[in-house]
Amino acid sequence: MFVEIFGRPGCPYCVRAKQIAEQLTEERDDFEFRYVDINVAGLTKDDLAAKAGKPVTTVPQIFLDEQHIGGCTDFEAYARANLGL
């Protein structure tokens, strides 16, 4: 499975989401992720909303195999329920 995390520097929820993904990468052979700094990539929240298919107002925005999961809290809950976090 492949996770994309769209975040920005200085965001504690972005940092936490990245830490969760790093932990899952170490613990699982079937998990990979990519962190995208939206500032460096030139992305806006409108761009993320278009990708998610609904309005977004915060970061991080997280996608699992191209499916929108939500933010950090949603990702952590999903990882605990489904990925053995």
PDB file of N, CA and C in Angstrom:
ATOM      1  N   MET A   1       0.834  -1.170   0.000  1.00  0.00           N
ATOM      2  CA  MET A   1       0.000   0.000   0.000  1.00  0.00           C
ATOM      3  C   MET A   1       0.884   1.240   0.000  1.00  0.00           C
ATOM      4  N   PHE A   2       0.363   2.285  -0.581  1.00  0.00           N
ATOM      5  CA  PHE A   2       1.132   3.525  -0.733  1.00  0.00           C
ATOM      6  C   PHE A   2       0.331   4.698  -0.179  1.00  0.00           C
ATOM      7  N   VAL A   3       0.961   5.452   0.687  1.00  0.00           N
ATOM      8  CA  VAL A   3       0.325   6.604   1.313  1.00  0.00           C
ATOM      9  C   VAL A   3       1.032   7.874   0.875  1.00  0.00           C
ATOM     10  N   GLU A   4       0.252   8.874   0.514  1.00  0.00           N
ATOM     11  CA  GLU A   4       0.776  10.205   0.245  1.00  0.00           C
ATOM     12  C   GLU A   4       0.265  11.139   1.335  1.00  0.00           C
ATOM     13  N   ILE A   5       1.208  11.874   1.930  1.00  0.00           N
ATOM     14  CA  ILE A   5       0.877  12.839   2.967  1.00  0.00           C
ATOM     15  C   ILE A   5       1.220  14.222   2.427  1.00  0.00           C
ATOM     16  N   PHE A   6       0.224  15.063   2.317  1.00  0.00           N
ATOM     17  CA  PHE A   6       0.425  16.437   1.872  1.00  0.00           C
ATOM     18  C   PHE A   6       0.386  17.331   3.097  1.00  0.00           C
ATOM     19  N   GLY A   7       1.512  17.978   3.382  1.00  0.00           N
ATOM     20  CA  GLY A   7       1.602  18.809   4.582  1.00  0.00           C
ATOM     21  C   GLY A   7       2.464  20.031   4.349  1.00  0.00           C
ATOM     22  N   ARG A   8       2.747  20.716   5.462  1.00  0.00           N
ATOM     23  CA  ARG A   8       3.586  21.906   5.389  1.00  0.00           C
ATOM     24  C   ARG A   8       4.499  21.958   6.612  1.00  0.00           C
ATOM     25  N   PRO A   9       5.612  22.673   6.511  1.00  0.00           N
ATOM     26  CA  PRO A   9       6.539  22.788   7.638  1.00  0.00           C
ATOM     27  C   PRO A   9       5.873  23.499   8.822  1.00  0.00           C
ATOM     28  N   GLY A  10       6.257  23.090  10.013  1.00  0.00           N
ATOM     29  CA  GLY A  10       5.769  23.732  11.214  1.00  0.00           C
ATOM     30  C   GLY A  10       4.406  23.257  11.679  1.00  0.00           C
ATOM     31  N   CYS A  11       3.816  22.336  10.972  1.00  0.00           N
ATOM     32  CA  CYS A  11       2.492  21.811  11.315  1.00  0.00           C
ATOM     33  C   CYS A  11       2.669  20.567  12.189  1.00  0.00           C
ATOM     34  N   PRO A  12       2.254  20.620  13.455  1.00  0.00           N
ATOM     35  CA  PRO A  12       2.459  19.459  14.335  1.00  0.00           C
ATOM     36  C   PRO A  12       1.698  18.213  13.883  1.00  0.00           C
ATOM     37  N   TYR A  13       0.538  18.390  13.262  1.00  0.00           N
ATOM     38  CA  TYR A  13      -0.210  17.239  12.771  1.00  0.00           C
ATOM     39  C   TYR A  13       0.484  16.607  11.565  1.00  0.00           C
ATOM     40  N   CYS A  14       1.125  17.425  10.755  1.00  0.00           N
ATOM     41  CA  CYS A  14       1.906  16.902   9.620  1.00  0.00           C
ATOM     42  C   CYS A  14       3.087  16.087  10.125  1.00  0.00           C
ATOM     43  N   VAL A  15       3.756  16.603  11.146  1.00  0.00           N
ATOM     44  CA  VAL A  15       4.889  15.896  11.745  1.00  0.00           C
ATOM     45  C   VAL A  15       4.428  14.553  12.305  1.00  0.00           C
ATOM     46  N   ARG A  16       3.304  14.553  12.999  1.00  0.00           N
ATOM     47  CA  ARG A  16       2.777  13.317  13.593  1.00  0.00           C
ATOM     48  C   ARG A  16       2.402  12.305  12.513  1.00  0.00           C
ATOM     49  N   ALA A  17       1.742  12.757  11.460  1.00  0.00           N
ATOM     50  CA  ALA A  17       1.365  11.850  10.377  1.00  0.00           C
ATOM     51  C   ALA A  17       2.605  11.222   9.742  1.00  0.00           C
ATOM     52  N   LYS A  18       3.634  12.020   9.561  1.00  0.00           N
ATOM     53  CA  LYS A  18       4.880  11.508   8.980  1.00  0.00           C
ATOM     54  C   LYS A  18       5.533  10.490   9.916  1.00  0.00           C
ATOM     55  N   GLN A  19       5.488  10.747  11.228  1.00  0.00           N
ATOM     56  CA  GLN A  19       6.041   9.796  12.198  1.00  0.00           C
ATOM     57  C   GLN A  19       5.298   8.466  12.147  1.00  0.00           C
ATOM     58  N   ILE A  20       3.977   8.519  12.047  1.00  0.00           N
ATOM     59  CA  ILE A  20       3.177   7.295  11.949  1.00  0.00           C
ATOM     60  C   ILE A  20       3.574   6.518  10.693  1.00  0.00           C
ATOM     61  N   ALA A  21       3.686   7.221   9.580  1.00  0.00           N
ATOM     62  CA  ALA A  21       4.055   6.572   8.316  1.00  0.00           C
ATOM     63  C   ALA A  21       5.450   5.972   8.398  1.00  0.00           C
ATOM     64  N   GLU A  22       6.385   6.661   9.023  1.00  0.00           N
ATOM     65  CA  GLU A  22       7.740   6.125   9.177  1.00  0.00           C
ATOM     66  C   GLU A  22       7.721   4.857  10.025  1.00  0.00           C
ATOM     67  N   GLN A  23       6.927   4.867  11.090  1.00  0.00           N
ATOM     68  CA  GLN A  23       6.813   3.688  11.953  1.00  0.00           C
ATOM     69  C   GLN A  23       6.223   2.511  11.178  1.00  0.00           C
ATOM     70  N   LEU A  24       5.188   2.766  10.403  1.00  0.00           N
ATOM     71  CA  LEU A  24       4.570   1.698   9.619  1.00  0.00           C
ATOM     72  C   LEU A  24       5.528   1.159   8.553  1.00  0.00           C
ATOM     73  N   THR A  25       6.353   2.032   7.986  1.00  0.00           N
ATOM     74  CA  THR A  25       7.340   1.600   6.998  1.00  0.00           C
ATOM     75  C   THR A  25       8.337   0.631   7.620  1.00  0.00           C
ATOM     76  N   GLU A  26       8.731   0.923   8.857  1.00  0.00           N
ATOM     77  CA  GLU A  26       9.680   0.052   9.547  1.00  0.00           C
ATOM     78  C   GLU A  26       9.050  -1.274   9.940  1.00  0.00           C
ATOM     79  N   GLU A  27       7.778  -1.262  10.280  1.00  0.00           N
ATOM     80  CA  GLU A  27       7.122  -2.455  10.817  1.00  0.00           C
ATOM     81  C   GLU A  27       6.481  -3.348   9.757  1.00  0.00           C
ATOM     82  N   ARG A  28       6.200  -2.801   8.587  1.00  0.00           N
ATOM     83  CA  ARG A  28       5.471  -3.561   7.560  1.00  0.00           C
ATOM     84  C   ARG A  28       6.253  -3.578   6.256  1.00  0.00           C
ATOM     85  N   ASP A  29       6.247  -4.718   5.591  1.00  0.00           N
ATOM     86  CA  ASP A  29       6.905  -4.836   4.292  1.00  0.00           C
ATOM     87  C   ASP A  29       6.042  -4.284   3.168  1.00  0.00           C
ATOM     88  N   ASP A  30       4.751  -4.152   3.412  1.00  0.00           N
ATOM     89  CA  ASP A  30       3.820  -3.755   2.357  1.00  0.00           C
ATOM     90  C   ASP A  30       3.394  -2.289   2.450  1.00  0.00           C
ATOM     91  N   PHE A  31       4.177  -1.476   3.154  1.00  0.00           N
ATOM     92  CA  PHE A  31       3.789  -0.078   3.361  1.00  0.00           C
ATOM     93  C   PHE A  31       4.891   0.851   2.860  1.00  0.00           C
ATOM     94  N   GLU A  32       4.490   1.809   2.030  1.00  0.00           N
ATOM     95  CA  GLU A  32       5.400   2.856   1.558  1.00  0.00           C
ATOM     96  C   GLU A  32       4.662   4.180   1.655  1.00  0.00           C
ATOM     97  N   PHE A  33       5.433   5.257   1.807  1.00  0.00           N
ATOM     98  CA  PHE A  33       4.793   6.566   1.827  1.00  0.00           C
ATOM     99  C   PHE A  33       5.679   7.617   1.182  1.00  0.00           C
ATOM    100  N   ARG A  34       5.021   8.713   0.847  1.00  0.00           N
ATOM    101  CA  ARG A  34       5.716   9.881   0.317  1.00  0.00           C
ATOM    102  C   ARG A  34       5.129  11.094   1.014  1.00  0.00           C
ATOM    103  N   TYR A  35       6.013  11.936   1.522  1.00  0.00           N
ATOM    104  CA  TYR A  35       5.584  13.192   2.144  1.00  0.00           C
ATOM    105  C   TYR A  35       5.791  14.309   1.126  1.00  0.00           C
ATOM    106  N   VAL A  36       4.755  15.096   0.901  1.00  0.00           N
ATOM    107  CA  VAL A  36       4.824  16.197  -0.047  1.00  0.00           C
ATOM    108  C   VAL A  36       4.639  17.502   0.715  1.00  0.00           C
ATOM    109  N   ASP A  37       5.674  18.335   0.701  1.00  0.00           N
ATOM    110  CA  ASP A  37       5.581  19.672   1.282  1.00  0.00           C
ATOM    111  C   ASP A  37       4.803  20.531   0.287  1.00  0.00           C
ATOM    112  N   ILE A  38       3.607  20.962   0.666  1.00  0.00           N
ATOM    113  CA  ILE A  38       2.756  21.680  -0.286  1.00  0.00           C
ATOM    114  C   ILE A  38       3.364  23.018  -0.697  1.00  0.00           C
ATOM    115  N   ASN A  39       4.164  23.618   0.180  1.00  0.00           N
ATOM    116  CA  ASN A  39       4.813  24.878  -0.176  1.00  0.00           C
ATOM    117  C   ASN A  39       5.855  24.667  -1.270  1.00  0.00           C
ATOM    118  N   VAL A  40       6.679  23.649  -1.119  1.00  0.00           N
ATOM    119  CA  VAL A  40       7.721  23.345  -2.105  1.00  0.00           C
ATOM    120  C   VAL A  40       7.087  22.915  -3.427  1.00  0.00           C
ATOM    121  N   ALA A  41       6.012  22.120  -3.331  1.00  0.00           N
ATOM    122  CA  ALA A  41       5.358  21.612  -4.534  1.00  0.00           C
ATOM    123  C   ALA A  41       4.458  22.650  -5.200  1.00  0.00           C
ATOM    124  N   GLY A  42       4.238  23.784  -4.525  1.00  0.00           N
ATOM    125  CA  GLY A  42       3.392  24.826  -5.098  1.00  0.00           C
ATOM    126  C   GLY A  42       1.913  24.469  -5.104  1.00  0.00           C
ATOM    127  N   LEU A  43       1.496  23.653  -4.150  1.00  0.00           N
ATOM    128  CA  LEU A  43       0.101  23.232  -4.073  1.00  0.00           C
ATOM    129  C   LEU A  43      -0.673  24.113  -3.090  1.00  0.00           C
ATOM    130  N   THR A  44      -1.936  24.308  -3.381  1.00  0.00           N
ATOM    131  CA  THR A  44      -2.816  25.068  -2.488  1.00  0.00           C
ATOM    132  C   THR A  44      -3.844  24.106  -1.886  1.00  0.00           C
ATOM    133  N   LYS A  45      -4.584  24.604  -0.909  1.00  0.00           N
ATOM    134  CA  LYS A  45      -5.661  23.790  -0.348  1.00  0.00           C
ATOM    135  C   LYS A  45      -6.731  23.517  -1.395  1.00  0.00           C
ATOM    136  N   ASP A  46      -6.897  24.428  -2.341  1.00  0.00           N
ATOM    137  CA  ASP A  46      -7.832  24.185  -3.445  1.00  0.00           C
ATOM    138  C   ASP A  46      -7.370  23.001  -4.302  1.00  0.00           C
ATOM    139  N   ASP A  47      -6.050  22.906  -4.516  1.00  0.00           N
ATOM    140  CA  ASP A  47      -5.505  21.764  -5.255  1.00  0.00           C
ATOM    141  C   ASP A  47      -5.790  20.454  -4.508  1.00  0.00           C
ATOM    142  N   LEU A  48      -5.608  20.491  -3.189  1.00  0.00           N
ATOM    143  CA  LEU A  48      -5.859  19.297  -2.384  1.00  0.00           C
ATOM    144  C   LEU A  48      -7.349  18.952  -2.374  1.00  0.00           C
ATOM    145  N   ALA A  49      -8.190  19.984  -2.344  1.00  0.00           N
ATOM    146  CA  ALA A  49      -9.641  19.761  -2.388  1.00  0.00           C
ATOM    147  C   ALA A  49     -10.038  19.075  -3.694  1.00  0.00           C
ATOM    148  N   ALA A  50      -9.430  19.493  -4.779  1.00  0.00           N
ATOM    149  CA  ALA A  50      -9.726  18.874  -6.077  1.00  0.00           C
ATOM    150  C   ALA A  50      -9.306  17.405  -6.067  1.00  0.00           C
ATOM    151  N   LYS A  51      -8.162  17.108  -5.483  1.00  0.00           N
ATOM    152  CA  LYS A  51      -7.678  15.720  -5.410  1.00  0.00           C
ATOM    153  C   LYS A  51      -8.562  14.886  -4.479  1.00  0.00           C
ATOM    154  N   ALA A  52      -8.999  15.494  -3.372  1.00  0.00           N
ATOM    155  CA  ALA A  52      -9.822  14.779  -2.391  1.00  0.00           C
ATOM    156  C   ALA A  52     -11.271  14.638  -2.838  1.00  0.00           C
ATOM    157  N   GLY A  53     -11.693  15.531  -3.718  1.00  0.00           N
ATOM    158  CA  GLY A  53     -13.073  15.497  -4.168  1.00  0.00           C
ATOM    159  C   GLY A  53     -14.045  16.154  -3.215  1.00  0.00           C
ATOM    160  N   LYS A  54     -13.497  16.926  -2.282  1.00  0.00           N
ATOM    161  CA  LYS A  54     -14.331  17.668  -1.338  1.00  0.00           C
ATOM    162  C   LYS A  54     -13.497  18.795  -0.746  1.00  0.00           C
ATOM    163  N   PRO A  55     -14.133  19.790  -0.149  1.00  0.00           N
ATOM    164  CA  PRO A  55     -13.376  20.901   0.423  1.00  0.00           C
ATOM    165  C   PRO A  55     -12.456  20.432   1.560  1.00  0.00           C
ATOM    166  N   VAL A  56     -11.269  21.007   1.603  1.00  0.00           N
ATOM    167  CA  VAL A  56     -10.355  20.760   2.717  1.00  0.00           C
ATOM    168  C   VAL A  56      -9.903  22.107   3.258  1.00  0.00           C
ATOM    169  N   THR A  57      -9.737  22.165   4.571  1.00  0.00           N
ATOM    170  CA  THR A  57      -9.341  23.428   5.182  1.00  0.00           C
ATOM    171  C   THR A  57      -8.065  23.308   5.989  1.00  0.00           C
ATOM    172  N   THR A  58      -7.586  22.080   6.178  1.00  0.00           N
ATOM    173  CA  THR A  58      -6.403  21.868   7.010  1.00  0.00           C
ATOM    174  C   THR A  58      -5.418  20.938   6.308  1.00  0.00           C
ATOM    175  N   VAL A  59      -4.237  20.887   6.843  1.00  0.00           N
ATOM    176  CA  VAL A  59      -3.251  19.882   6.465  1.00  0.00           C
ATOM    177  C   VAL A  59      -2.860  19.162   7.751  1.00  0.00           C
ATOM    178  N   PRO A  60      -2.395  17.939   7.637  1.00  0.00           N
ATOM    179  CA  PRO A  60      -2.140  17.209   6.405  1.00  0.00           C
ATOM    180  C   PRO A  60      -3.422  16.667   5.784  1.00  0.00           C
ATOM    181  N   GLN A  61      -3.320  16.382   4.510  1.00  0.00           N
ATOM    182  CA  GLN A  61      -4.343  15.626   3.799  1.00  0.00           C
ATOM    183  C   GLN A  61      -3.655  14.347   3.338  1.00  0.00           C
ATOM    184  N   ILE A  62      -4.280  13.228   3.642  1.00  0.00           N
ATOM    185  CA  ILE A  62      -3.620  11.942   3.472  1.00  0.00           C
ATOM    186  C   ILE A  62      -4.447  11.042   2.563  1.00  0.00           C
ATOM    187  N   PHE A  63      -3.738  10.397   1.638  1.00  0.00           N
ATOM    188  CA  PHE A  63      -4.357   9.508   0.660  1.00  0.00           C
ATOM    189  C   PHE A  63      -3.711   8.132   0.754  1.00  0.00           C
ATOM    190  N   LEU A  64      -4.543   7.112   0.824  1.00  0.00           N
ATOM    191  CA  LEU A  64      -4.076   5.734   0.866  1.00  0.00           C
ATOM    192  C   LEU A  64      -4.465   5.074  -0.447  1.00  0.00           C
ATOM    193  N   ASP A  65      -3.466   4.690  -1.228  1.00  0.00           N
ATOM    194  CA  ASP A  65      -3.720   4.114  -2.556  1.00  0.00           C
ATOM    195  C   ASP A  65      -4.717   4.974  -3.335  1.00  0.00           C
ATOM    196  N   GLU A  66      -4.454   6.273  -3.360  1.00  0.00           N
ATOM    197  CA  GLU A  66      -5.247   7.272  -4.101  1.00  0.00           C
ATOM    198  C   GLU A  66      -6.615   7.565  -3.484  1.00  0.00           C
ATOM    199  N   GLN A  67      -6.977   6.892  -2.398  1.00  0.00           N
ATOM    200  CA  GLN A  67      -8.240   7.159  -1.715  1.00  0.00           C
ATOM    201  C   GLN A  67      -7.988   8.145  -0.582  1.00  0.00           C
ATOM    202  N   HIS A  68      -8.798   9.174  -0.501  1.00  0.00           N
ATOM    203  CA  HIS A  68      -8.644  10.188   0.544  1.00  0.00           C
ATOM    204  C   HIS A  68      -9.026   9.592   1.896  1.00  0.00           C
ATOM    205  N   ILE A  69      -8.097   9.645   2.844  1.00  0.00           N
ATOM    206  CA  ILE A  69      -8.331   9.157   4.203  1.00  0.00           C
ATOM    207  C   ILE A  69      -8.809  10.304   5.090  1.00  0.00           C
ATOM    208  N   GLY A  70      -8.210  11.475   4.928  1.00  0.00           N
ATOM    209  CA  GLY A  70      -8.531  12.628   5.762  1.00  0.00           C
ATOM    210  C   GLY A  70      -7.262  13.225   6.325  1.00  0.00           C
ATOM    211  N   GLY A  71      -7.336  13.671   7.570  1.00  0.00           N
ATOM    212  CA  GLY A  71      -6.189  14.295   8.229  1.00  0.00           C
ATOM    213  C   GLY A  71      -5.447  13.316   9.120  1.00  0.00           C
ATOM    214  N   CYS A  72      -4.629  13.865   9.990  1.00  0.00           N
ATOM    215  CA  CYS A  72      -3.774  13.050  10.852  1.00  0.00           C
ATOM    216  C   CYS A  72      -4.591  12.150  11.774  1.00  0.00           C
ATOM    217  N   THR A  73      -5.612  12.694  12.409  1.00  0.00           N
ATOM    218  CA  THR A  73      -6.429  11.914  13.336  1.00  0.00           C
ATOM    219  C   THR A  73      -7.100  10.753  12.613  1.00  0.00           C
ATOM    220  N   ASP A  74      -7.603  11.022  11.405  1.00  0.00           N
ATOM    221  CA  ASP A  74      -8.235   9.967  10.599  1.00  0.00           C
ATOM    222  C   ASP A  74      -7.214   8.899  10.217  1.00  0.00           C
ATOM    223  N   PHE A  75      -6.032   9.322   9.825  1.00  0.00           N
ATOM    224  CA  PHE A  75      -4.974   8.389   9.433  1.00  0.00           C
ATOM    225  C   PHE A  75      -4.553   7.523  10.617  1.00  0.00           C
ATOM    226  N   GLU A  76      -4.376   8.143  11.766  1.00  0.00           N
ATOM    227  CA  GLU A  76      -3.966   7.383  12.950  1.00  0.00           C
ATOM    228  C   GLU A  76      -5.040   6.358  13.328  1.00  0.00           C
ATOM    229  N   ALA A  77      -6.306   6.751  13.289  1.00  0.00           N
ATOM    230  CA  ALA A  77      -7.393   5.825  13.606  1.00  0.00           C
ATOM    231  C   ALA A  77      -7.422   4.668  12.602  1.00  0.00           C
ATOM    232  N   TYR A  78      -7.243   4.980  11.311  1.00  0.00           N
ATOM    233  CA  TYR A  78      -7.210   3.940  10.277  1.00  0.00           C
ATOM    234  C   TYR A  78      -6.042   2.985  10.523  1.00  0.00           C
ATOM    235  N   ALA A  79      -4.861   3.539  10.829  1.00  0.00           N
ATOM    236  CA  ALA A  79      -3.676   2.713  11.052  1.00  0.00           C
ATOM    237  C   ALA A  79      -3.857   1.809  12.264  1.00  0.00           C
ATOM    238  N   ARG A  80      -4.479   2.312  13.312  1.00  0.00           N
ATOM    239  CA  ARG A  80      -4.723   1.490  14.509  1.00  0.00           C
ATOM    240  C   ARG A  80      -5.731   0.381  14.209  1.00  0.00           C
ATOM    241  N   ALA A  81      -6.758   0.692  13.445  1.00  0.00           N
ATOM    242  CA  ALA A  81      -7.818  -0.279  13.153  1.00  0.00           C
ATOM    243  C   ALA A  81      -7.412  -1.318  12.107  1.00  0.00           C
ATOM    244  N   ASN A  82      -6.561  -0.918  11.158  1.00  0.00           N
ATOM    245  CA  ASN A  82      -6.312  -1.780   9.994  1.00  0.00           C
ATOM    246  C   ASN A  82      -4.862  -2.189   9.761  1.00  0.00           C
ATOM    247  N   LEU A  83      -3.915  -1.464  10.346  1.00  0.00           N
ATOM    248  CA  LEU A  83      -2.508  -1.704   9.985  1.00  0.00           C
ATOM    249  C   LEU A  83      -1.644  -2.133  11.170  1.00  0.00           C
ATOM    250  N   GLY A  84      -2.256  -2.384  12.309  1.00  0.00           N
ATOM    251  CA  GLY A  84      -1.504  -2.879  13.450  1.00  0.00           C
ATOM    252  C   GLY A  84      -0.634  -1.857  14.138  1.00  0.00           C
ATOM    253  N   LEU A  85      -1.004  -0.612  14.067  1.00  0.00           N
ATOM    254  CA  LEU A  85      -0.219   0.449  14.729  1.00  0.00           C
ATOM    255  C   LEU A  85      -0.341   0.315  16.223  1.00  0.00           C
TER     256      LEU A  85
END
